[in-house]
Amino acid sequence: MKEYIEFIAKSLVDNPSGVSVEVKSEDEKVYHIHLKVSPEDVGKVIGKQGKIISAIRVLATSVAGREGKRAILEIAD
């Protein structure tokens, strides 16, 4: 899961070294994913009207669904 989200985010931004992904699974049924990018790349990850981040959330939910879990993706400040 971590590598998948990290690959997508690094493909979108200008500064791939500023991307970090942290996946926590506090509950057995939920992945909490924290995506951190450099401040100048936040807009590129969010996209116009939030469409890109919504698409990334759909992909994360799909991958987690294969394992019978949910995914919650947040962009860290």
Protein backbone atom coordinates (compact mmCIF):
# COMPACT_ATOMS: atom_id res chain seq x y z
CA MET A 1 0.00 0.00 0.00
CA LYS A 2 2.73 2.46 1.00
CA GLU A 3 4.77 1.92 -2.14
CA TYR A 4 1.70 2.27 -4.34
CA ILE A 5 0.63 5.65 -2.93
CA GLU A 6 4.24 6.85 -2.87
CA PHE A 7 4.69 5.97 -6.56
CA ILE A 8 1.55 7.87 -7.55
CA ALA A 9 2.48 10.95 -5.53
CA LYS A 10 6.07 11.03 -6.81
CA SER A 11 4.76 10.88 -10.37
CA LEU A 12 2.68 14.02 -9.81
CA VAL A 13 5.07 16.40 -8.03
CA ASP A 14 8.13 18.41 -9.11
CA ASN A 15 10.13 17.46 -6.00
CA PRO A 16 9.84 13.66 -5.56
CA SER A 17 12.32 13.66 -2.68
CA GLY A 18 9.82 15.67 -0.62
CA VAL A 19 7.22 12.88 -0.71
CA SER A 20 6.74 10.59 2.27
CA VAL A 21 3.96 8.17 3.07
CA GLU A 22 3.13 6.77 6.47
CA VAL A 23 0.61 3.96 6.83
CA LYS A 24 -0.83 3.16 10.23
CA SER A 25 -3.18 0.30 10.85
CA GLU A 26 -4.43 0.97 14.38
CA ASP A 27 -7.62 -0.92 13.70
CA GLU A 28 -7.57 -4.28 11.94
CA LYS A 29 -10.08 -3.04 9.36
CA VAL A 30 -8.77 0.45 8.54
CA TYR A 31 -5.58 1.83 6.98
CA HIS A 32 -4.76 5.42 7.98
CA ILE A 33 -2.51 6.83 5.27
CA HIS A 34 -0.69 10.13 5.81
CA LEU A 35 0.76 11.63 2.64
CA LYS A 36 3.31 14.40 3.10
CA VAL A 37 4.63 16.47 0.18
CA SER A 38 6.65 19.66 -0.02
CA PRO A 39 4.56 22.85 0.37
CA GLU A 40 4.95 23.94 -3.25
CA ASP A 41 3.61 20.58 -4.50
CA VAL A 42 0.47 20.36 -2.36
CA GLY A 43 -1.66 21.94 -5.09
CA LYS A 44 -0.47 19.41 -7.65
CA VAL A 45 -1.49 16.51 -5.43
CA ILE A 46 -4.88 18.03 -4.61
CA GLY A 47 -5.68 19.12 -8.17
CA LYS A 48 -8.44 21.38 -9.37
CA GLN A 49 -11.49 21.07 -7.14
CA GLY A 50 -9.77 18.14 -5.39
CA LYS A 51 -10.20 15.75 -8.27
CA ILE A 52 -6.68 14.27 -8.17
CA ILE A 53 -6.71 13.55 -4.43
CA SER A 54 -10.19 12.07 -4.83
CA ALA A 55 -8.88 9.73 -7.52
CA ILE A 56 -5.94 8.72 -5.32
CA ARG A 57 -8.38 8.01 -2.47
CA VAL A 58 -10.47 5.81 -4.78
CA LEU A 59 -7.37 3.84 -5.77
CA ALA A 60 -6.29 3.45 -2.14
CA THR A 61 -9.78 2.28 -1.18
CA SER A 62 -9.72 -0.22 -4.03
CA VAL A 63 -6.36 -1.68 -2.96
CA ALA A 64 -7.46 -1.86 0.67
CA GLY A 65 -10.76 -3.43 -0.36
CA ARG A 66 -8.93 -6.41 -1.78
CA GLU A 67 -7.75 -7.12 1.75
CA GLY A 68 -11.17 -6.50 3.25
CA LYS A 69 -10.15 -3.17 4.78
CA ARG A 70 -10.95 0.53 4.40
CA ALA A 71 -8.45 3.28 3.58
CA ILE A 72 -8.44 6.83 4.91
CA LEU A 73 -5.98 9.08 3.04
CA GLU A 74 -5.00 12.47 4.44
CA ILE A 75 -2.48 15.05 3.30
CA ALA A 76 -0.32 15.92 6.31
CA ASP A 77 0.49 19.54 7.09
